[in-house]
Amino acid sequence: MLIIPAVDIRGGRCVRLLHGEMDKETVYYADPVEAALRWEAEGAARLQITDLDGAFDGRMKNAAIIEKIVRSVQIPVQVGGGIRDIQVAKDLLALGVSHVILGTVAVTDPDVVAALCAQYPGRIIVGIDARVGRVAIRGWLEEVTVSAVELAVQMAEIGVREIIYTDILRDGALQGPNLADLRKMAQSVPLSVIASGGIASLQDIVNLLPLEPLGLTGVIIGKALYSGHIRLQDALAVTAG
């Protein structure tokens, strides 16, 4: 199970939000490249980069910083936030991004997802963000009627191989992951599932390990790393052991 540190970018800085709310922001690094290099140096095998401005505005706003991160590290980087058309995704992949994460467009225009999966098999991840099981899009501001599991099933049918499942109410709250919903998701789809939201302790990671045989292949950790609740080396030791 991969441990994937999160580098969330807003206004050019590395930040963490609580429940995705812009007015509940904590700045951890003025330069997100420093955060990326730190996690690589401490042993991360993959990084998660999110353009928060892009997620809210509908188009990427921190592309120059993301490019600098990709060129600065040697490990795979997956990028999301405001990627809603084919050309933007292609440009990121050409830049050297390992995986592109699509969220809103998976609901509003799934044909875009299908086309990219056909051209770049295995390199397109769909981010499914849910509040009490219901999918939220456009920077989590708009809730839609489709459930998280229903959307995951639809994505599997059009060629998606990997999803990130985020429990919005747990995100940044350090309250532990939603194990029940993660288990339901992993059991419902033939996809690799990456867990996101709520990781607060090494025990939370231990609690996720039984879901590995069901298809849980990774966990994204943000605030717990930045706040010191978890040391990356310790988290890596848990999954390795």
Protein backbone atom coordinates (compact mmCIF):
# COMPACT_ATOMS: atom_id res chain seq x y z
CA MET A 1 0.00 0.00 0.00
CA LEU A 2 1.51 3.27 -1.13
CA ILE A 3 1.86 6.16 1.30
CA ILE A 4 1.31 9.28 -0.81
CA PRO A 5 2.07 12.68 0.74
CA ALA A 6 -0.21 15.48 -0.39
CA VAL A 7 1.04 18.85 -1.60
CA ASP A 8 -1.97 21.16 -1.93
CA ILE A 9 -1.29 24.49 -3.64
CA ARG A 10 -3.30 27.66 -3.20
CA GLY A 11 -2.06 31.10 -4.12
CA GLY A 12 1.35 29.65 -4.88
CA ARG A 13 1.80 28.23 -1.37
CA CYS A 14 1.58 24.75 0.15
CA VAL A 15 -1.51 24.72 2.37
CA ARG A 16 -4.03 22.44 4.03
CA LEU A 17 -7.73 23.14 4.26
CA LEU A 18 -10.30 21.79 6.71
CA HIS A 19 -13.20 20.05 4.92
CA GLY A 20 -12.05 21.83 1.74
CA GLU A 21 -13.19 25.22 3.03
CA MET A 22 -11.08 28.12 1.79
CA ASP A 23 -11.51 30.17 4.97
CA LYS A 24 -10.03 27.32 7.03
CA GLU A 25 -6.53 27.33 5.60
CA THR A 26 -3.16 26.64 7.20
CA VAL A 27 0.00 27.56 5.28
CA TYR A 28 2.87 25.09 5.75
CA TYR A 29 5.35 26.09 3.04
CA ALA A 30 5.69 29.33 1.10
CA ASP A 31 7.29 27.25 -1.66
CA PRO A 32 5.51 23.97 -2.45
CA VAL A 33 8.66 22.67 -4.14
CA GLU A 34 10.30 22.50 -0.71
CA ALA A 35 7.48 20.30 0.55
CA ALA A 36 7.76 17.99 -2.46
CA LEU A 37 11.52 17.66 -2.05
CA ARG A 38 11.12 16.96 1.65
CA TRP A 39 8.73 14.07 1.12
CA GLU A 40 10.89 12.63 -1.64
CA ALA A 41 13.95 12.82 0.61
CA GLU A 42 12.07 11.05 3.39
CA GLY A 43 11.19 8.11 1.18
CA ALA A 44 7.89 8.81 -0.59
CA ALA A 45 7.41 6.74 -3.74
CA ARG A 46 4.68 8.99 -5.18
CA LEU A 47 3.36 12.49 -4.58
CA GLN A 48 -0.15 13.93 -4.83
CA ILE A 49 -0.25 17.52 -6.11
CA THR A 50 -3.55 19.41 -6.05
CA ASP A 51 -4.15 22.84 -7.55
CA LEU A 52 -6.80 24.07 -5.11
CA ASP A 53 -7.32 27.32 -7.02
CA GLY A 54 -7.96 25.26 -10.12
CA ALA A 55 -10.43 23.00 -8.34
CA PHE A 56 -12.51 25.99 -7.30
CA ASP A 57 -12.11 28.11 -10.45
CA GLY A 58 -12.42 25.34 -13.03
CA ARG A 59 -9.01 25.79 -14.64
CA MET A 60 -5.48 25.29 -13.38
CA LYS A 61 -3.90 28.34 -11.74
CA ASN A 62 -0.61 26.98 -10.39
CA ALA A 63 0.73 25.23 -13.49
CA ALA A 64 4.15 26.88 -13.30
CA ILE A 65 4.73 25.65 -9.75
CA ILE A 66 3.49 22.17 -10.62
CA GLU A 67 5.92 22.06 -13.56
CA LYS A 68 8.74 23.09 -11.24
CA ILE A 69 7.84 20.28 -8.83
CA VAL A 70 7.74 17.69 -11.61
CA ARG A 71 11.16 18.81 -12.84
CA SER A 72 12.60 18.91 -9.30
CA VAL A 73 11.73 15.41 -8.07
CA GLN A 74 12.59 11.96 -9.41
CA ILE A 75 9.50 10.14 -8.14
CA PRO A 76 6.09 9.88 -9.86
CA VAL A 77 3.75 12.83 -9.39
CA GLN A 78 -0.02 12.65 -9.77
CA VAL A 79 -1.78 15.96 -10.36
CA GLY A 80 -5.37 17.13 -9.99
CA GLY A 81 -7.40 20.29 -9.57
CA GLY A 82 -9.14 22.11 -12.42
CA ILE A 83 -8.30 19.59 -15.15
CA ARG A 84 -11.49 19.56 -17.17
CA ASP A 85 -10.48 19.22 -20.81
CA ILE A 86 -8.42 16.80 -22.85
CA GLN A 87 -5.67 19.20 -23.91
CA VAL A 88 -4.78 20.24 -20.35
CA ALA A 89 -4.49 16.59 -19.37
CA LYS A 90 -2.32 15.84 -22.39
CA ASP A 91 -0.04 18.78 -21.63
CA LEU A 92 0.49 17.56 -18.06
CA LEU A 93 1.29 14.03 -19.17
CA ALA A 94 3.71 15.36 -21.79
CA LEU A 95 5.37 17.40 -19.05
CA GLY A 96 6.18 14.24 -17.13
CA VAL A 97 3.25 13.93 -14.72
CA SER A 98 2.74 10.23 -14.05
CA HIS A 99 -1.03 10.34 -13.51
CA VAL A 100 -3.69 12.97 -14.16
CA ILE A 101 -6.58 13.15 -11.72
CA LEU A 102 -10.01 14.03 -13.11
CA GLY A 103 -12.87 14.92 -10.78
CA THR A 104 -15.65 17.24 -11.88
CA VAL A 105 -15.42 16.24 -15.54
CA ALA A 106 -16.09 12.60 -14.61
CA VAL A 107 -19.61 13.74 -13.77
CA THR A 108 -20.15 16.57 -16.27
CA ASP A 109 -18.48 15.02 -19.33
CA PRO A 110 -17.46 11.37 -18.86
CA ASP A 111 -16.59 11.14 -22.56
CA VAL A 112 -13.48 13.19 -21.77
CA VAL A 113 -12.45 10.56 -19.22
CA ALA A 114 -13.15 7.72 -21.66
CA ALA A 115 -11.10 9.37 -24.42
CA LEU A 116 -8.12 9.95 -22.16
CA CYS A 117 -8.27 6.41 -20.75
CA ALA A 118 -8.18 5.04 -24.28
CA GLN A 119 -5.15 7.13 -25.20
CA TYR A 120 -3.32 6.90 -21.87
CA PRO A 121 -4.31 3.58 -20.28
CA GLY A 122 -3.40 3.35 -16.62
CA ARG A 123 -2.44 7.01 -16.31
CA ILE A 124 -5.88 8.50 -15.66
CA ILE A 125 -7.16 8.56 -12.08
CA VAL A 126 -10.65 9.68 -11.16
CA GLY A 127 -11.03 11.53 -7.89
CA ILE A 128 -14.35 10.71 -6.26
CA ASP A 129 -15.07 13.15 -3.45
CA ALA A 130 -18.10 12.39 -1.34
CA ARG A 131 -20.06 13.89 1.50
CA VAL A 132 -22.15 11.22 3.29
CA GLY A 133 -21.80 8.98 0.25
CA ARG A 134 -22.90 11.60 -2.30
CA VAL A 135 -20.48 12.96 -4.88
CA ALA A 136 -19.48 16.62 -4.69
CA ILE A 137 -17.88 18.46 -7.61
CA ARG A 138 -16.53 21.92 -8.56
CA GLY A 139 -14.23 22.19 -5.57
CA TRP A 140 -16.76 20.34 -3.38
CA LEU A 141 -19.21 23.24 -3.70
CA GLU A 142 -21.87 21.35 -5.68
CA GLU A 143 -23.38 18.04 -4.62
CA VAL A 144 -24.88 15.78 -7.28
CA THR A 145 -27.39 12.96 -7.06
CA VAL A 146 -25.05 10.14 -8.06
CA SER A 147 -23.50 8.15 -5.25
CA ALA A 148 -19.78 7.58 -4.94
CA VAL A 149 -20.09 3.86 -5.66
CA GLU A 150 -22.34 4.46 -8.67
CA LEU A 151 -19.82 6.87 -10.15
CA ALA A 152 -16.97 4.42 -9.52
CA VAL A 153 -18.87 1.66 -11.34
CA GLN A 154 -19.47 4.00 -14.29
CA MET A 155 -15.80 4.93 -14.41
CA ALA A 156 -14.69 1.29 -14.37
CA GLU A 157 -16.93 0.66 -17.36
CA ILE A 158 -15.22 3.35 -19.45
CA GLY A 159 -11.66 2.28 -18.76
CA VAL A 160 -10.59 3.89 -15.49
CA ARG A 161 -8.26 1.65 -13.47
CA GLU A 162 -7.64 3.70 -10.35
CA ILE A 163 -9.68 6.07 -8.19
CA ILE A 164 -9.07 8.29 -5.19
CA TYR A 165 -11.92 8.16 -2.72
CA THR A 166 -12.07 11.20 -0.44
CA ASP A 167 -14.44 11.57 2.48
CA ILE A 168 -14.93 15.33 2.55
CA LEU A 169 -16.10 15.49 6.14
CA ARG A 170 -12.91 13.73 7.25
CA ASP A 171 -10.52 15.73 5.11
CA GLY A 172 -8.11 17.76 7.21
CA ALA A 173 -10.00 16.88 10.39
CA LEU A 174 -7.59 14.24 11.77
CA GLN A 175 -10.54 12.06 12.79
CA GLY A 176 -9.52 8.82 11.10
CA PRO A 177 -10.60 7.42 7.72
CA ASN A 178 -14.11 6.29 6.88
CA LEU A 179 -13.36 2.56 6.98
CA ALA A 180 -16.92 1.45 6.27
CA ASP A 181 -17.27 3.49 3.08
CA LEU A 182 -13.78 2.56 1.93
CA ARG A 183 -14.57 -1.12 2.39
CA LYS A 184 -17.85 -0.71 0.49
CA MET A 185 -16.06 1.05 -2.35
CA ALA A 186 -13.24 -1.48 -2.59
CA GLN A 187 -15.71 -4.37 -2.61
CA SER A 188 -17.96 -2.74 -5.24
CA VAL A 189 -15.54 -2.05 -8.07
CA PRO A 190 -12.66 -3.88 -9.81
CA LEU A 191 -10.41 -0.86 -9.39
CA SER A 192 -7.37 0.19 -7.41
CA VAL A 193 -8.65 2.46 -4.65
CA ILE A 194 -6.59 5.16 -2.95
CA ALA A 195 -7.96 6.36 0.38
CA SER A 196 -7.98 10.04 1.25
CA GLY A 197 -9.28 12.04 4.18
CA GLY A 198 -8.90 11.82 7.93
CA ILE A 199 -5.63 9.93 8.42
CA ALA A 200 -4.36 11.03 11.84
CA SER A 201 -2.17 8.28 13.28
CA LEU A 202 -0.17 5.18 12.50
CA GLN A 203 -3.07 3.15 13.86
CA ASP A 204 -5.27 4.59 11.11
CA ILE A 205 -2.85 3.15 8.56
CA VAL A 206 -2.84 -0.20 10.36
CA ASN A 207 -6.65 -0.17 10.23
CA LEU A 208 -6.51 0.24 6.44
CA LEU A 209 -4.24 -2.76 5.83
CA PRO A 210 -7.08 -5.36 5.91
CA LEU A 211 -8.59 -3.55 2.91
CA GLU A 212 -5.51 -4.17 0.81
CA PRO A 213 -6.70 -7.57 -0.47
CA LEU A 214 -9.95 -5.88 -1.56
CA GLY A 215 -8.10 -3.42 -3.79
CA LEU A 216 -6.93 -0.61 -1.52
CA THR A 217 -3.56 0.25 -3.04
CA GLY A 218 -2.66 3.56 -1.44
CA VAL A 219 -3.43 6.24 1.10
CA ILE A 220 -2.97 9.98 0.76
CA ILE A 221 -1.80 11.77 3.88
CA GLY A 222 -1.74 15.52 4.27
CA LYS A 223 -2.31 17.36 7.51
CA ALA A 224 -1.06 14.53 9.72
CA LEU A 225 2.36 14.74 8.06
CA TYR A 226 2.58 18.52 8.14
CA SER A 227 1.41 18.79 11.74
CA GLY A 228 3.76 16.07 12.95
CA HIS A 229 1.05 13.60 14.00
CA ILE A 230 2.71 11.07 11.67
CA ARG A 231 6.32 10.78 10.53
CA LEU A 232 6.56 9.63 6.94
CA GLN A 233 9.30 7.12 7.75
CA ASP A 234 7.07 5.50 10.38
CA ALA A 235 4.13 5.29 7.99
CA LEU A 236 6.32 3.66 5.35
CA ALA A 237 7.56 1.18 7.96
CA VAL A 238 3.98 0.18 8.80
CA THR A 239 3.10 -0.66 5.20
CA ALA A 240 6.46 -2.34 4.57
CA GLY A 241 6.17 -4.52 7.65
